[in-house]
């Protein structure tokens, strides 16, 4: 019994609690952010200011929700020491990531015609947000899967990959208006991982440094370019491909 208790304590070490807590907080944020416009619409109806979801939007919501559940489950399994199940479920990760990249890009492009962004931002400009967030997410996730045999790198990249996508959730919350929800609040996850590094290994892990910069660029660059003629021309061309 003492051996089992010791094994359980080792499994749920502070590191495992930290990463599982971050994953759980992201799941909660996604639910809160999308509850009025998607999750709770069957029960509470659709708010008047929310566009009616298209089949593509529903598919995007379903795939992204499936990913969030897989992400939290995988983090919890690692914390519980069930790496055997973690590895088996991990086989679902790559096709789901590819589906998210394709569907997320198409949803962002279709959002131009639907004017799905905030009314104060022109649709072609707003398209920069999802069209930068998706490769930000995809690039870091693929890097994390490639580094799956290096646990310290893998887990950091997995968390940081979610950061560009979290702006969609926090940006819908009434407490985080404007750029605070799109950039500042999601960026706090980068800060948390960096602080964890300093508290545990006394330095910023290389994955945190480069992954954090990549995630931050995916959130900041669209705002820097979304009013430029180069971006508007590209967005107009890309949106026409799916019109």
Protein backbone atom coordinates (compact mmCIF):
# COMPACT_ATOMS: atom_id res chain seq x y z
CA UNK A 1 0.00 0.00 0.00
CA UNK A 2 2.83 2.38 0.82
CA UNK A 3 4.41 1.70 -2.58
CA UNK A 4 1.12 2.46 -4.37
CA UNK A 5 0.65 5.67 -2.40
CA UNK A 6 4.21 6.77 -3.25
CA UNK A 7 3.64 6.03 -6.93
CA UNK A 8 0.47 8.10 -6.93
CA UNK A 9 2.25 11.05 -5.29
CA UNK A 10 4.95 10.86 -7.92
CA UNK A 11 2.40 10.75 -10.72
CA UNK A 12 0.55 13.81 -9.48
CA UNK A 13 3.71 15.81 -8.93
CA UNK A 14 3.47 19.63 -8.94
CA UNK A 15 4.49 19.62 -12.62
CA UNK A 16 1.56 17.42 -13.56
CA UNK A 17 -0.83 19.51 -11.51
CA UNK A 18 0.48 22.66 -13.18
CA UNK A 19 -0.03 21.46 -16.75
CA UNK A 20 -3.35 19.77 -16.03
CA UNK A 21 -4.55 22.96 -14.34
CA UNK A 22 -3.61 25.04 -17.37
CA UNK A 23 -5.37 22.64 -19.73
CA UNK A 24 -8.49 22.62 -17.54
CA UNK A 25 -8.53 26.42 -17.36
CA UNK A 26 -8.40 26.58 -21.16
CA UNK A 27 -11.32 24.17 -21.42
CA UNK A 28 -13.35 26.30 -18.99
CA UNK A 29 -12.44 29.47 -20.91
CA UNK A 30 -13.58 27.93 -24.20
CA UNK A 31 -16.89 26.90 -22.67
CA UNK A 32 -17.52 30.32 -21.09
CA UNK A 33 -16.51 32.19 -24.23
CA UNK A 34 -18.61 30.15 -26.61
CA UNK A 35 -21.51 29.29 -24.29
CA UNK A 36 -23.85 32.12 -25.44
CA UNK A 37 -23.15 31.70 -29.15
CA UNK A 38 -22.78 27.91 -29.46
CA UNK A 39 -22.73 25.57 -26.47
CA UNK A 40 -25.90 26.82 -24.78
CA UNK A 41 -27.86 27.94 -27.85
CA UNK A 42 -30.01 24.75 -27.85
CA UNK A 43 -31.11 25.62 -24.30
CA UNK A 44 -31.14 29.43 -24.18
CA UNK A 45 -31.57 30.38 -27.82
CA UNK A 46 -29.25 32.48 -29.95
CA UNK A 47 -28.58 36.08 -28.86
CA UNK A 48 -29.80 38.68 -31.33
CA UNK A 49 -26.32 40.02 -32.06
CA UNK A 50 -24.88 36.58 -32.89
CA UNK A 51 -24.89 35.39 -36.49
CA UNK A 52 -26.68 32.12 -37.20
CA UNK A 53 -24.00 29.41 -37.42
CA UNK A 54 -23.47 27.76 -40.79
CA UNK A 55 -22.80 24.03 -41.10
CA UNK A 56 -19.10 24.87 -41.43
CA UNK A 57 -19.18 26.86 -38.19
CA UNK A 58 -20.90 23.95 -36.44
CA UNK A 59 -18.27 21.57 -37.79
CA UNK A 60 -15.50 23.90 -36.64
CA UNK A 61 -17.06 24.06 -33.17
CA UNK A 62 -17.42 20.30 -32.95
CA UNK A 63 -13.85 19.58 -34.08
CA UNK A 64 -12.35 22.22 -31.83
CA UNK A 65 -14.40 20.95 -28.87
CA UNK A 66 -13.21 17.41 -29.56
CA UNK A 67 -9.63 18.67 -29.57
CA UNK A 68 -10.09 20.49 -26.27
CA UNK A 69 -11.45 17.35 -24.63
CA UNK A 70 -8.58 15.30 -26.03
CA UNK A 71 -6.06 17.91 -24.87
CA UNK A 72 -7.36 17.91 -21.29
CA UNK A 73 -7.72 14.13 -21.22
CA UNK A 74 -4.16 13.62 -22.47
CA UNK A 75 -2.77 16.03 -19.90
CA UNK A 76 -4.67 14.31 -17.09
CA UNK A 77 -3.57 10.86 -18.26
CA UNK A 78 0.07 11.95 -18.22
CA UNK A 79 -0.41 13.31 -14.72
CA UNK A 80 -1.99 10.05 -13.58
CA UNK A 81 0.92 8.08 -14.96
CA UNK A 82 -1.19 6.37 -17.64
CA UNK A 83 1.31 6.94 -20.43
CA UNK A 84 0.12 3.73 -22.12
CA UNK A 85 -3.35 5.18 -22.74
CA UNK A 86 -1.81 8.60 -23.40
CA UNK A 87 0.22 7.16 -26.28
CA UNK A 88 -2.76 5.31 -27.76
CA UNK A 89 -4.99 8.37 -27.68
CA UNK A 90 -2.13 10.41 -29.08
CA UNK A 91 -2.65 8.62 -32.39
CA UNK A 92 -5.90 10.60 -32.72
CA UNK A 93 -4.03 13.85 -32.32
CA UNK A 94 -2.47 14.24 -35.76
CA UNK A 95 -5.60 13.70 -37.89
CA UNK A 96 -7.57 15.92 -35.52
CA UNK A 97 -4.94 18.66 -35.77
CA UNK A 98 -4.95 18.46 -39.56
CA UNK A 99 -8.75 18.69 -39.55
CA UNK A 100 -8.60 21.74 -37.28
CA UNK A 101 -6.08 23.48 -39.54
CA UNK A 102 -8.16 22.89 -42.67
CA UNK A 103 -11.55 23.64 -41.11
CA UNK A 104 -10.24 26.60 -39.11
CA UNK A 105 -8.76 28.17 -42.23
CA UNK A 106 -11.94 27.64 -44.24
CA UNK A 107 -14.06 29.06 -41.41
CA UNK A 108 -11.86 32.14 -41.22
CA UNK A 109 -12.12 32.71 -44.97
CA UNK A 110 -15.88 32.18 -45.03
CA UNK A 111 -16.13 34.66 -42.16
CA UNK A 112 -15.23 37.46 -44.57
CA UNK A 113 -18.47 37.11 -46.51
CA UNK A 114 -20.45 36.65 -43.30
CA UNK A 115 -18.77 39.66 -41.61
CA UNK A 116 -18.43 37.47 -38.54
CA UNK A 117 -16.02 39.76 -36.70
CA UNK A 118 -16.76 42.79 -34.54
CA UNK A 119 -18.61 45.59 -36.40
CA UNK A 120 -15.81 48.09 -35.81
CA UNK A 121 -13.28 46.00 -37.77
CA UNK A 122 -13.71 45.47 -41.54
CA UNK A 123 -14.15 41.77 -42.44
CA UNK A 124 -10.99 41.63 -44.57
CA UNK A 125 -8.96 43.02 -41.70
CA UNK A 126 -10.58 40.75 -39.11
CA UNK A 127 -9.71 37.71 -41.24
CA UNK A 128 -6.10 38.21 -40.15
CA UNK A 129 -6.98 37.01 -36.63
CA UNK A 130 -8.00 33.44 -37.53
CA UNK A 131 -5.65 33.19 -40.50
CA UNK A 132 -2.66 33.86 -38.25
CA UNK A 133 -4.00 31.94 -35.24
CA UNK A 134 -4.49 28.70 -37.18
CA UNK A 135 -0.88 28.37 -38.43
CA UNK A 136 0.28 29.56 -35.02
CA UNK A 137 -1.59 26.68 -33.43
CA UNK A 138 -0.76 24.17 -36.15
CA UNK A 139 2.95 24.92 -36.28
CA UNK A 140 3.44 24.51 -32.55
CA UNK A 141 1.25 21.42 -32.30
CA UNK A 142 3.14 19.70 -35.10
CA UNK A 143 6.41 20.65 -33.42
CA UNK A 144 5.09 19.22 -30.13
CA UNK A 145 4.11 15.96 -31.80
CA UNK A 146 7.52 15.75 -33.44
CA UNK A 147 9.13 16.24 -30.00
CA UNK A 148 6.83 13.77 -28.24
CA UNK A 149 9.85 11.74 -27.07
CA UNK A 150 11.25 14.81 -25.29
CA UNK A 151 8.59 15.30 -22.57
CA UNK A 152 9.78 18.66 -21.26
CA UNK A 153 9.74 20.16 -24.74
CA UNK A 154 6.56 18.37 -25.77
CA UNK A 155 4.38 19.54 -22.89
CA UNK A 156 5.51 23.15 -23.18
CA UNK A 157 4.85 23.29 -26.90
CA UNK A 158 1.42 21.68 -26.44
CA UNK A 159 0.37 24.39 -24.00
CA UNK A 160 1.87 27.23 -26.03
CA UNK A 161 0.16 25.96 -29.20
CA UNK A 162 -3.21 26.64 -27.58
CA UNK A 163 -2.40 30.27 -26.81
CA UNK A 164 -3.16 31.79 -30.25
CA UNK A 165 -6.50 29.98 -30.33
CA UNK A 166 -7.57 31.18 -26.89
CA UNK A 167 -8.18 34.72 -28.13
CA UNK A 168 -11.37 33.45 -29.78
CA UNK A 169 -12.66 32.39 -26.36
CA UNK A 170 -11.44 35.26 -24.19
CA UNK A 171 -12.33 37.82 -26.84
CA UNK A 172 -15.99 36.79 -26.59
CA UNK A 173 -16.14 37.38 -22.86
CA UNK A 174 -17.67 40.72 -21.82
CA UNK A 175 -14.91 41.28 -19.23
CA UNK A 176 -12.13 41.34 -21.82
CA UNK A 177 -13.01 43.89 -24.45
CA UNK A 178 -10.95 44.59 -27.53
CA UNK A 179 -7.33 43.56 -27.73
CA UNK A 180 -7.17 42.52 -24.07
CA UNK A 181 -9.16 39.37 -24.81
CA UNK A 182 -7.51 38.68 -28.14
CA UNK A 183 -3.88 39.17 -27.10
CA UNK A 184 -3.19 40.20 -23.51
CA UNK A 185 -5.15 37.60 -21.56
CA UNK A 186 -4.05 34.62 -23.73
CA UNK A 187 -0.44 35.87 -23.47
CA UNK A 188 -0.64 35.33 -19.71
CA UNK A 189 -0.32 31.61 -20.40
CA UNK A 190 3.10 32.27 -21.92
CA UNK A 191 4.04 34.21 -18.79
CA UNK A 192 2.81 31.36 -16.58
CA UNK A 193 4.93 28.79 -18.39
CA UNK A 194 7.97 31.10 -18.20
CA UNK A 195 7.43 31.60 -14.47
CA UNK A 196 7.12 27.85 -14.03
CA UNK A 197 10.45 27.44 -15.80
CA UNK A 198 12.12 29.95 -13.51
CA UNK A 199 10.66 28.29 -10.42
CA UNK A 200 11.65 24.76 -11.43
CA UNK A 201 14.73 24.83 -13.68
CA UNK A 202 15.92 28.39 -12.91
CA UNK A 203 15.93 29.41 -16.55
CA UNK A 204 13.56 29.83 -19.48
CA UNK A 205 13.32 26.53 -21.31
CA UNK A 206 14.20 26.78 -24.99
CA UNK A 207 10.74 25.50 -25.98
CA UNK A 208 9.14 28.19 -23.84
CA UNK A 209 11.29 30.92 -25.35
CA UNK A 210 10.87 30.08 -29.01
CA UNK A 211 7.39 28.62 -28.71
CA UNK A 212 6.25 31.62 -26.69
CA UNK A 213 7.66 34.06 -29.25
CA UNK A 214 5.99 32.13 -32.07
CA UNK A 215 2.63 32.11 -30.25
CA UNK A 216 2.94 35.82 -29.43
CA UNK A 217 3.77 36.63 -33.06
CA UNK A 218 0.64 34.74 -34.19
CA UNK A 219 -1.42 37.09 -32.00
CA UNK A 220 0.37 40.40 -32.57
CA UNK A 221 1.29 40.25 -36.26
CA UNK A 222 -2.31 40.22 -37.54
CA UNK A 223 -3.01 43.47 -35.72
CA UNK A 224 0.12 45.05 -37.20
CA UNK A 225 -0.72 44.09 -40.79
CA UNK A 226 -4.51 43.91 -40.99
CA UNK A 227 -4.91 47.44 -42.39
CA UNK A 228 -2.07 47.24 -44.90
CA UNK A 229 -2.76 47.04 -48.63
CA UNK A 230 -0.68 43.86 -48.84
CA UNK A 231 -2.86 42.07 -46.29
CA UNK A 232 -6.15 43.40 -47.66
CA UNK A 233 -5.17 42.26 -51.15
CA UNK A 234 -4.20 38.80 -49.91
CA UNK A 235 -7.34 38.43 -47.79
CA UNK A 236 -9.54 39.53 -50.69
CA UNK A 237 -7.87 36.97 -52.97
CA UNK A 238 -8.02 34.15 -50.41
CA UNK A 239 -11.65 34.80 -49.50
CA UNK A 240 -12.59 34.74 -53.18
CA UNK A 241 -11.24 31.20 -53.43
CA UNK A 242 -14.00 29.90 -51.14
CA UNK A 243 -16.74 32.36 -52.10
